[in-house]
């Protein structure tokens, strides 16, 4: 357990350099996507896996402004959204 905590601390320190506190956020051009991104802190899961800090879109009632939805682009990693915002939800049953 001590090793897992040490590894998590080491990973956290190394990702702190990769994710500086200054924001690289660029305002989206889509007019319904004007809310600021939400920072998700790095953490260790119950299984002991470290999850690096990241950003996500702010929660709201629309599906068209999520970075994973077509035609949006995630401003942090440059990946184009591939999900159809109007498709029926998939619950993995």
C-alpha atoms as a PDB file:
ATOM      1  CA  UNK A   1       0.000   0.000   0.000  1.00  0.00           C
ATOM      2  CA  UNK A   2       2.867   2.379   0.829  1.00  0.00           C
ATOM      3  CA  UNK A   3       4.363   1.707  -2.591  1.00  0.00           C
ATOM      4  CA  UNK A   4       1.053   2.544  -4.285  1.00  0.00           C
ATOM      5  CA  UNK A   5       0.859   5.837  -2.377  1.00  0.00           C
ATOM      6  CA  UNK A   6       4.471   6.660  -3.251  1.00  0.00           C
ATOM      7  CA  UNK A   7       3.843   5.909  -6.929  1.00  0.00           C
ATOM      8  CA  UNK A   8       0.671   8.016  -6.891  1.00  0.00           C
ATOM      9  CA  UNK A   9       2.547  10.912  -5.271  1.00  0.00           C
ATOM     10  CA  UNK A  10       5.312  10.631  -7.859  1.00  0.00           C
ATOM     11  CA  UNK A  11       2.807  10.577 -10.718  1.00  0.00           C
ATOM     12  CA  UNK A  12       0.957  13.540  -9.218  1.00  0.00           C
ATOM     13  CA  UNK A  13       4.149  15.577  -9.016  1.00  0.00           C
ATOM     14  CA  UNK A  14       5.102  14.743 -12.596  1.00  0.00           C
ATOM     15  CA  UNK A  15       1.625  15.604 -13.950  1.00  0.00           C
ATOM     16  CA  UNK A  16       1.616  18.881 -12.025  1.00  0.00           C
ATOM     17  CA  UNK A  17       4.362  19.957 -14.408  1.00  0.00           C
ATOM     18  CA  UNK A  18       2.353  18.753 -17.405  1.00  0.00           C
ATOM     19  CA  UNK A  19      -0.803  20.584 -16.264  1.00  0.00           C
ATOM     20  CA  UNK A  20       0.284  24.052 -15.124  1.00  0.00           C
ATOM     21  CA  UNK A  21      -2.226  26.213 -13.282  1.00  0.00           C
ATOM     22  CA  UNK A  22      -2.360  28.702 -16.128  1.00  0.00           C
ATOM     23  CA  UNK A  23      -5.278  27.829 -18.351  1.00  0.00           C
ATOM     24  CA  UNK A  24      -4.857  27.077 -22.039  1.00  0.00           C
ATOM     25  CA  UNK A  25      -8.618  27.326 -22.453  1.00  0.00           C
ATOM     26  CA  UNK A  26      -9.823  28.960 -25.653  1.00  0.00           C
ATOM     27  CA  UNK A  27     -13.384  30.240 -25.799  1.00  0.00           C
ATOM     28  CA  UNK A  28     -15.555  27.942 -27.914  1.00  0.00           C
ATOM     29  CA  UNK A  29     -17.059  29.364 -31.068  1.00  0.00           C
ATOM     30  CA  UNK A  30     -20.346  27.480 -30.673  1.00  0.00           C
ATOM     31  CA  UNK A  31     -22.743  29.988 -29.086  1.00  0.00           C
ATOM     32  CA  UNK A  32     -24.408  27.522 -26.665  1.00  0.00           C
ATOM     33  CA  UNK A  33     -21.002  26.447 -25.272  1.00  0.00           C
ATOM     34  CA  UNK A  34     -20.051  29.596 -23.386  1.00  0.00           C
ATOM     35  CA  UNK A  35     -19.637  28.235 -19.839  1.00  0.00           C
ATOM     36  CA  UNK A  36     -16.125  27.776 -18.475  1.00  0.00           C
ATOM     37  CA  UNK A  37     -14.584  24.305 -18.197  1.00  0.00           C
ATOM     38  CA  UNK A  38     -14.501  22.504 -14.860  1.00  0.00           C
ATOM     39  CA  UNK A  39     -11.133  21.281 -13.539  1.00  0.00           C
ATOM     40  CA  UNK A  40     -11.157  17.697 -12.286  1.00  0.00           C
ATOM     41  CA  UNK A  41      -8.425  17.061  -9.706  1.00  0.00           C
ATOM     42  CA  UNK A  42      -6.069  14.116  -9.984  1.00  0.00           C
ATOM     43  CA  UNK A  43      -6.917  11.278  -7.635  1.00  0.00           C
ATOM     44  CA  UNK A  44      -6.329   7.622  -6.805  1.00  0.00           C
ATOM     45  CA  UNK A  45      -9.233   5.217  -7.342  1.00  0.00           C
ATOM     46  CA  UNK A  46     -10.257   2.525  -4.851  1.00  0.00           C
ATOM     47  CA  UNK A  47      -8.394   0.027  -7.018  1.00  0.00           C
ATOM     48  CA  UNK A  48      -5.210   2.065  -6.602  1.00  0.00           C
ATOM     49  CA  UNK A  49      -5.091   3.495 -10.126  1.00  0.00           C
ATOM     50  CA  UNK A  50      -3.968   7.092 -10.438  1.00  0.00           C
ATOM     51  CA  UNK A  51      -6.152   9.359 -12.594  1.00  0.00           C
ATOM     52  CA  UNK A  52      -4.400  12.497 -13.863  1.00  0.00           C
ATOM     53  CA  UNK A  53      -6.040  15.927 -13.519  1.00  0.00           C
ATOM     54  CA  UNK A  54      -8.117  17.041 -16.491  1.00  0.00           C
ATOM     55  CA  UNK A  55     -10.876  19.389 -17.603  1.00  0.00           C
ATOM     56  CA  UNK A  56     -14.460  18.683 -18.616  1.00  0.00           C
ATOM     57  CA  UNK A  57     -17.331  20.755 -19.887  1.00  0.00           C
ATOM     58  CA  UNK A  58     -19.549  22.329 -17.243  1.00  0.00           C
ATOM     59  CA  UNK A  59     -22.761  20.389 -16.546  1.00  0.00           C
ATOM     60  CA  UNK A  60     -25.901  21.802 -18.132  1.00  0.00           C
ATOM     61  CA  UNK A  61     -29.096  20.718 -19.889  1.00  0.00           C
ATOM     62  CA  UNK A  62     -27.750  20.653 -23.452  1.00  0.00           C
ATOM     63  CA  UNK A  63     -25.899  17.821 -25.188  1.00  0.00           C
ATOM     64  CA  UNK A  64     -24.584  19.815 -28.134  1.00  0.00           C
ATOM     65  CA  UNK A  65     -21.817  21.680 -26.297  1.00  0.00           C
ATOM     66  CA  UNK A  66     -19.940  18.691 -24.860  1.00  0.00           C
ATOM     67  CA  UNK A  67     -16.413  18.281 -26.227  1.00  0.00           C
ATOM     68  CA  UNK A  68     -17.141  14.661 -27.122  1.00  0.00           C
ATOM     69  CA  UNK A  69     -20.149  15.618 -29.294  1.00  0.00           C
ATOM     70  CA  UNK A  70     -19.969  16.308 -33.031  1.00  0.00           C
ATOM     71  CA  UNK A  71     -18.825  18.849 -34.364  1.00  0.00           C
ATOM     72  CA  UNK A  72     -17.009  20.145 -31.248  1.00  0.00           C
ATOM     73  CA  UNK A  73     -13.264  19.874 -30.614  1.00  0.00           C
ATOM     74  CA  UNK A  74     -11.647  19.443 -27.196  1.00  0.00           C
ATOM     75  CA  UNK A  75      -9.442  22.532 -26.772  1.00  0.00           C
ATOM     76  CA  UNK A  76      -7.013  20.670 -24.473  1.00  0.00           C
ATOM     77  CA  UNK A  77      -6.137  17.665 -26.616  1.00  0.00           C
ATOM     78  CA  UNK A  78      -7.405  18.666 -30.084  1.00  0.00           C
ATOM     79  CA  UNK A  79      -9.596  15.565 -30.472  1.00  0.00           C
ATOM     80  CA  UNK A  80     -12.753  15.978 -32.527  1.00  0.00           C
ATOM     81  CA  UNK A  81     -16.035  14.931 -30.916  1.00  0.00           C
ATOM     82  CA  UNK A  82     -17.349  11.662 -32.300  1.00  0.00           C
ATOM     83  CA  UNK A  83     -20.651  11.212 -30.416  1.00  0.00           C
ATOM     84  CA  UNK A  84     -23.975  12.053 -32.021  1.00  0.00           C
ATOM     85  CA  UNK A  85     -25.637  14.419 -29.516  1.00  0.00           C
ATOM     86  CA  UNK A  86     -29.099  13.353 -30.709  1.00  0.00           C
ATOM     87  CA  UNK A  87     -28.564   9.577 -30.491  1.00  0.00           C
ATOM     88  CA  UNK A  88     -30.497   7.552 -27.916  1.00  0.00           C
ATOM     89  CA  UNK A  89     -28.494   6.984 -24.709  1.00  0.00           C
ATOM     90  CA  UNK A  90     -26.598   3.724 -24.382  1.00  0.00           C
ATOM     91  CA  UNK A  91     -26.656   2.164 -20.923  1.00  0.00           C
ATOM     92  CA  UNK A  92     -24.424  -0.822 -21.666  1.00  0.00           C
ATOM     93  CA  UNK A  93     -26.977  -3.528 -20.887  1.00  0.00           C
END
